[in-house]
Amino acid sequence: MRLSALLLMSVWVLSACGGTKEAIEIRDVRSPPAPPGAQVLAVYATIVAQRDDTLLSVTTPFAREAQLHSTVEENGMMKMRHVAQLPVKAGETVQLAPGGLHLMLMGPDAARDADTPIPLTFHFERAGDIETAAQITKAE
């Protein structure tokens, strides 16, 4: 009886340590509308980390490629730079937003309307794959 009580208590303690919160939460995933024939499409989101992790990549069946970009100013001109990986720290909220870090979908299949969300999979080193979808919004 004592051994089973000890095992039960160990399981309870370990499950309490893990908590029920997701390690990474992706919120408010959205994309402004793009004109027909657009070769790129921006996606914005909020990433909330409960533990340290690294965003390795993002994929979608909707586009040839998805790339994380940062916006930087060089010699008075705004430029986008590819970001290979994005470390996120526990307790940190990362904004993918216009004028900063954002996701670019290269070679989208077709223009989407507000009724057709864009499926996305965020690939994290520790949290694994997180599937979500971007809603088409008004232009930002």
C-alpha atoms as a PDB file:
ATOM      1  CA  MET A   1       0.000   0.000   0.000  1.00  0.00           C
ATOM      2  CA  ARG A   2       2.787   2.434   0.830  1.00  0.00           C
ATOM      3  CA  LEU A   3       4.525   1.814  -2.515  1.00  0.00           C
ATOM      4  CA  SER A   4       1.348   2.445  -4.520  1.00  0.00           C
ATOM      5  CA  ALA A   5       0.692   5.643  -2.553  1.00  0.00           C
ATOM      6  CA  LEU A   6       4.251   6.775  -3.238  1.00  0.00           C
ATOM      7  CA  LEU A   7       3.870   6.025  -6.968  1.00  0.00           C
ATOM      8  CA  LEU A   8       0.550   7.855  -7.111  1.00  0.00           C
ATOM      9  CA  MET A   9       2.087  10.861  -5.373  1.00  0.00           C
ATOM     10  CA  SER A  10       5.061  10.839  -7.785  1.00  0.00           C
ATOM     11  CA  VAL A  11       2.741  10.838 -10.795  1.00  0.00           C
ATOM     12  CA  TRP A  12       0.740  13.695  -9.289  1.00  0.00           C
ATOM     13  CA  VAL A  13       3.863  15.778  -8.611  1.00  0.00           C
ATOM     14  CA  LEU A  14       5.274  15.187 -12.101  1.00  0.00           C
ATOM     15  CA  SER A  15       1.990  16.083 -13.777  1.00  0.00           C
ATOM     16  CA  ALA A  16       1.726  19.239 -11.672  1.00  0.00           C
ATOM     17  CA  CYS A  17       5.231  20.265 -12.741  1.00  0.00           C
ATOM     18  CA  GLY A  18       4.296  19.930 -16.389  1.00  0.00           C
ATOM     19  CA  GLY A  19       1.219  22.083 -15.952  1.00  0.00           C
ATOM     20  CA  THR A  20      -1.665  22.228 -18.382  1.00  0.00           C
ATOM     21  CA  LYS A  21      -0.537  25.331 -20.254  1.00  0.00           C
ATOM     22  CA  GLU A  22       0.890  24.920 -23.712  1.00  0.00           C
ATOM     23  CA  ALA A  23       4.609  25.681 -23.942  1.00  0.00           C
ATOM     24  CA  ILE A  24       4.016  27.901 -26.986  1.00  0.00           C
ATOM     25  CA  GLU A  25       0.799  29.677 -27.899  1.00  0.00           C
ATOM     26  CA  ILE A  26       0.205  31.330 -31.266  1.00  0.00           C
ATOM     27  CA  ARG A  27      -2.553  33.947 -31.264  1.00  0.00           C
ATOM     28  CA  ASP A  28      -4.164  36.475 -33.569  1.00  0.00           C
ATOM     29  CA  VAL A  29      -2.812  34.928 -36.796  1.00  0.00           C
ATOM     30  CA  ARG A  30      -3.848  37.173 -39.679  1.00  0.00           C
ATOM     31  CA  SER A  31      -2.964  38.327 -43.172  1.00  0.00           C
ATOM     32  CA  PRO A  32      -3.974  41.482 -44.999  1.00  0.00           C
ATOM     33  CA  PRO A  33      -5.682  40.865 -48.342  1.00  0.00           C
ATOM     34  CA  ALA A  34      -3.430  40.695 -51.388  1.00  0.00           C
ATOM     35  CA  PRO A  35      -4.348  41.654 -54.933  1.00  0.00           C
ATOM     36  CA  PRO A  36      -4.868  38.821 -57.421  1.00  0.00           C
ATOM     37  CA  GLY A  37      -1.548  37.602 -58.804  1.00  0.00           C
ATOM     38  CA  ALA A  38       0.487  38.783 -55.778  1.00  0.00           C
ATOM     39  CA  GLN A  39       3.817  36.940 -55.519  1.00  0.00           C
ATOM     40  CA  VAL A  40       4.121  37.356 -51.739  1.00  0.00           C
ATOM     41  CA  LEU A  41       1.731  37.571 -48.836  1.00  0.00           C
ATOM     42  CA  ALA A  42       2.462  38.829 -45.310  1.00  0.00           C
ATOM     43  CA  VAL A  43       1.286  37.012 -42.181  1.00  0.00           C
ATOM     44  CA  TYR A  44       1.270  38.481 -38.680  1.00  0.00           C
ATOM     45  CA  ALA A  45       0.778  36.781 -35.303  1.00  0.00           C
ATOM     46  CA  THR A  46       1.559  36.844 -31.607  1.00  0.00           C
ATOM     47  CA  ILE A  47       3.781  34.100 -30.169  1.00  0.00           C
ATOM     48  CA  VAL A  48       3.662  33.573 -26.392  1.00  0.00           C
ATOM     49  CA  ALA A  49       6.313  31.310 -24.846  1.00  0.00           C
ATOM     50  CA  GLN A  50       5.914  29.557 -21.498  1.00  0.00           C
ATOM     51  CA  ARG A  51       9.435  28.085 -21.809  1.00  0.00           C
ATOM     52  CA  ASP A  52      12.547  28.713 -23.909  1.00  0.00           C
ATOM     53  CA  ASP A  53      12.228  27.406 -27.461  1.00  0.00           C
ATOM     54  CA  THR A  54      13.240  28.182 -31.042  1.00  0.00           C
ATOM     55  CA  LEU A  55      10.985  28.655 -34.052  1.00  0.00           C
ATOM     56  CA  LEU A  56      12.770  26.633 -36.734  1.00  0.00           C
ATOM     57  CA  SER A  57      10.434  27.208 -39.687  1.00  0.00           C
ATOM     58  CA  VAL A  58       6.867  27.641 -40.869  1.00  0.00           C
ATOM     59  CA  THR A  59       5.197  25.672 -43.644  1.00  0.00           C
ATOM     60  CA  THR A  60       1.922  25.951 -45.522  1.00  0.00           C
ATOM     61  CA  PRO A  61       0.343  24.073 -48.420  1.00  0.00           C
ATOM     62  CA  PHE A  62      -0.856  27.466 -49.688  1.00  0.00           C
ATOM     63  CA  ALA A  63       2.563  28.785 -50.811  1.00  0.00           C
ATOM     64  CA  ARG A  64       5.824  27.556 -52.278  1.00  0.00           C
ATOM     65  CA  GLU A  65       7.720  28.733 -49.182  1.00  0.00           C
ATOM     66  CA  ALA A  66       7.198  30.568 -45.902  1.00  0.00           C
ATOM     67  CA  GLN A  67      10.021  32.743 -44.556  1.00  0.00           C
ATOM     68  CA  LEU A  68      10.424  34.702 -41.365  1.00  0.00           C
ATOM     69  CA  HIS A  69      11.654  38.233 -42.114  1.00  0.00           C
ATOM     70  CA  SER A  70      12.789  41.217 -40.093  1.00  0.00           C
ATOM     71  CA  THR A  71      12.449  44.773 -41.307  1.00  0.00           C
ATOM     72  CA  VAL A  72      15.580  46.889 -40.959  1.00  0.00           C
ATOM     73  CA  GLU A  73      16.591  50.380 -42.032  1.00  0.00           C
ATOM     74  CA  GLU A  74      19.795  50.644 -44.074  1.00  0.00           C
ATOM     75  CA  ASN A  75      20.998  53.954 -45.481  1.00  0.00           C
ATOM     76  CA  GLY A  76      17.552  55.499 -45.079  1.00  0.00           C
ATOM     77  CA  MET A  77      15.775  52.616 -46.838  1.00  0.00           C
ATOM     78  CA  MET A  78      13.609  49.920 -45.266  1.00  0.00           C
ATOM     79  CA  LYS A  79      14.673  46.389 -46.224  1.00  0.00           C
ATOM     80  CA  MET A  80      13.563  42.894 -45.321  1.00  0.00           C
ATOM     81  CA  ARG A  81      16.063  40.323 -44.119  1.00  0.00           C
ATOM     82  CA  HIS A  82      15.486  36.580 -43.879  1.00  0.00           C
ATOM     83  CA  VAL A  83      15.624  35.255 -40.306  1.00  0.00           C
ATOM     84  CA  ALA A  84      16.695  31.586 -40.271  1.00  0.00           C
ATOM     85  CA  GLN A  85      15.486  30.806 -36.723  1.00  0.00           C
ATOM     86  CA  LEU A  86      13.737  32.731 -33.976  1.00  0.00           C
ATOM     87  CA  PRO A  87      14.690  32.029 -30.349  1.00  0.00           C
ATOM     88  CA  VAL A  88      11.883  32.764 -27.873  1.00  0.00           C
ATOM     89  CA  LYS A  89      12.419  33.036 -24.124  1.00  0.00           C
ATOM     90  CA  ALA A  90      10.128  31.825 -21.354  1.00  0.00           C
ATOM     91  CA  GLY A  91       7.604  34.514 -20.450  1.00  0.00           C
ATOM     92  CA  GLU A  92       8.284  36.406 -23.674  1.00  0.00           C
ATOM     93  CA  THR A  93       5.683  37.581 -26.189  1.00  0.00           C
ATOM     94  CA  VAL A  94       6.952  38.012 -29.753  1.00  0.00           C
ATOM     95  CA  GLN A  95       4.935  40.117 -32.166  1.00  0.00           C
ATOM     96  CA  LEU A  96       5.022  39.298 -35.867  1.00  0.00           C
ATOM     97  CA  ALA A  97       3.730  42.640 -37.124  1.00  0.00           C
ATOM     98  CA  PRO A  98       4.011  45.190 -39.947  1.00  0.00           C
ATOM     99  CA  GLY A  99       7.331  47.035 -39.839  1.00  0.00           C
ATOM    100  CA  GLY A 100       9.068  44.391 -37.719  1.00  0.00           C
ATOM    101  CA  LEU A 101       9.324  40.629 -37.639  1.00  0.00           C
ATOM    102  CA  HIS A 102       6.752  39.027 -39.927  1.00  0.00           C
ATOM    103  CA  LEU A 103       6.105  35.935 -41.986  1.00  0.00           C
ATOM    104  CA  MET A 104       6.241  36.133 -45.796  1.00  0.00           C
ATOM    105  CA  LEU A 105       4.532  33.522 -47.930  1.00  0.00           C
ATOM    106  CA  MET A 106       6.453  33.263 -51.176  1.00  0.00           C
ATOM    107  CA  GLY A 107       4.558  32.175 -54.287  1.00  0.00           C
ATOM    108  CA  PRO A 108       1.052  31.854 -52.856  1.00  0.00           C
ATOM    109  CA  ASP A 109      -1.278  29.629 -54.883  1.00  0.00           C
ATOM    110  CA  ALA A 110      -4.035  32.223 -55.236  1.00  0.00           C
ATOM    111  CA  ALA A 111      -5.557  35.242 -53.547  1.00  0.00           C
ATOM    112  CA  ARG A 112      -7.662  34.291 -50.519  1.00  0.00           C
ATOM    113  CA  ASP A 113     -10.831  35.923 -49.306  1.00  0.00           C
ATOM    114  CA  ALA A 114     -11.943  36.416 -45.699  1.00  0.00           C
ATOM    115  CA  ASP A 115     -13.856  33.121 -45.728  1.00  0.00           C
ATOM    116  CA  THR A 116     -10.802  31.017 -46.631  1.00  0.00           C
ATOM    117  CA  PRO A 117      -8.138  30.933 -43.888  1.00  0.00           C
ATOM    118  CA  ILE A 118      -4.527  30.095 -44.732  1.00  0.00           C
ATOM    119  CA  PRO A 119      -3.328  26.896 -42.999  1.00  0.00           C
ATOM    120  CA  LEU A 120       0.090  27.218 -41.319  1.00  0.00           C
ATOM    121  CA  THR A 121       2.325  24.914 -39.303  1.00  0.00           C
ATOM    122  CA  PHE A 122       4.879  26.512 -36.985  1.00  0.00           C
ATOM    123  CA  HIS A 123       7.795  24.122 -36.327  1.00  0.00           C
ATOM    124  CA  PHE A 124       9.454  24.610 -32.917  1.00  0.00           C
ATOM    125  CA  GLU A 125      12.557  22.850 -31.630  1.00  0.00           C
ATOM    126  CA  ARG A 126      10.995  21.775 -28.291  1.00  0.00           C
ATOM    127  CA  ALA A 127       7.237  22.297 -28.659  1.00  0.00           C
ATOM    128  CA  GLY A 128       7.118  20.511 -32.007  1.00  0.00           C
ATOM    129  CA  ASP A 129       4.560  21.379 -34.677  1.00  0.00           C
ATOM    130  CA  ILE A 130       1.759  23.822 -33.930  1.00  0.00           C
ATOM    131  CA  GLU A 131      -0.974  24.049 -36.546  1.00  0.00           C
ATOM    132  CA  THR A 132      -3.006  27.203 -36.947  1.00  0.00           C
ATOM    133  CA  ALA A 133      -4.584  29.288 -39.708  1.00  0.00           C
ATOM    134  CA  ALA A 134      -4.308  32.941 -40.728  1.00  0.00           C
ATOM    135  CA  GLN A 135      -7.534  34.851 -41.179  1.00  0.00           C
ATOM    136  CA  ILE A 136      -7.662  37.387 -44.001  1.00  0.00           C
ATOM    137  CA  THR A 137      -8.273  40.838 -42.500  1.00  0.00           C
ATOM    138  CA  LYS A 138      -8.625  44.404 -43.672  1.00  0.00           C
ATOM    139  CA  ALA A 139      -5.411  45.960 -45.021  1.00  0.00           C
ATOM    140  CA  GLU A 140      -2.992  47.015 -42.235  1.00  0.00           C
END
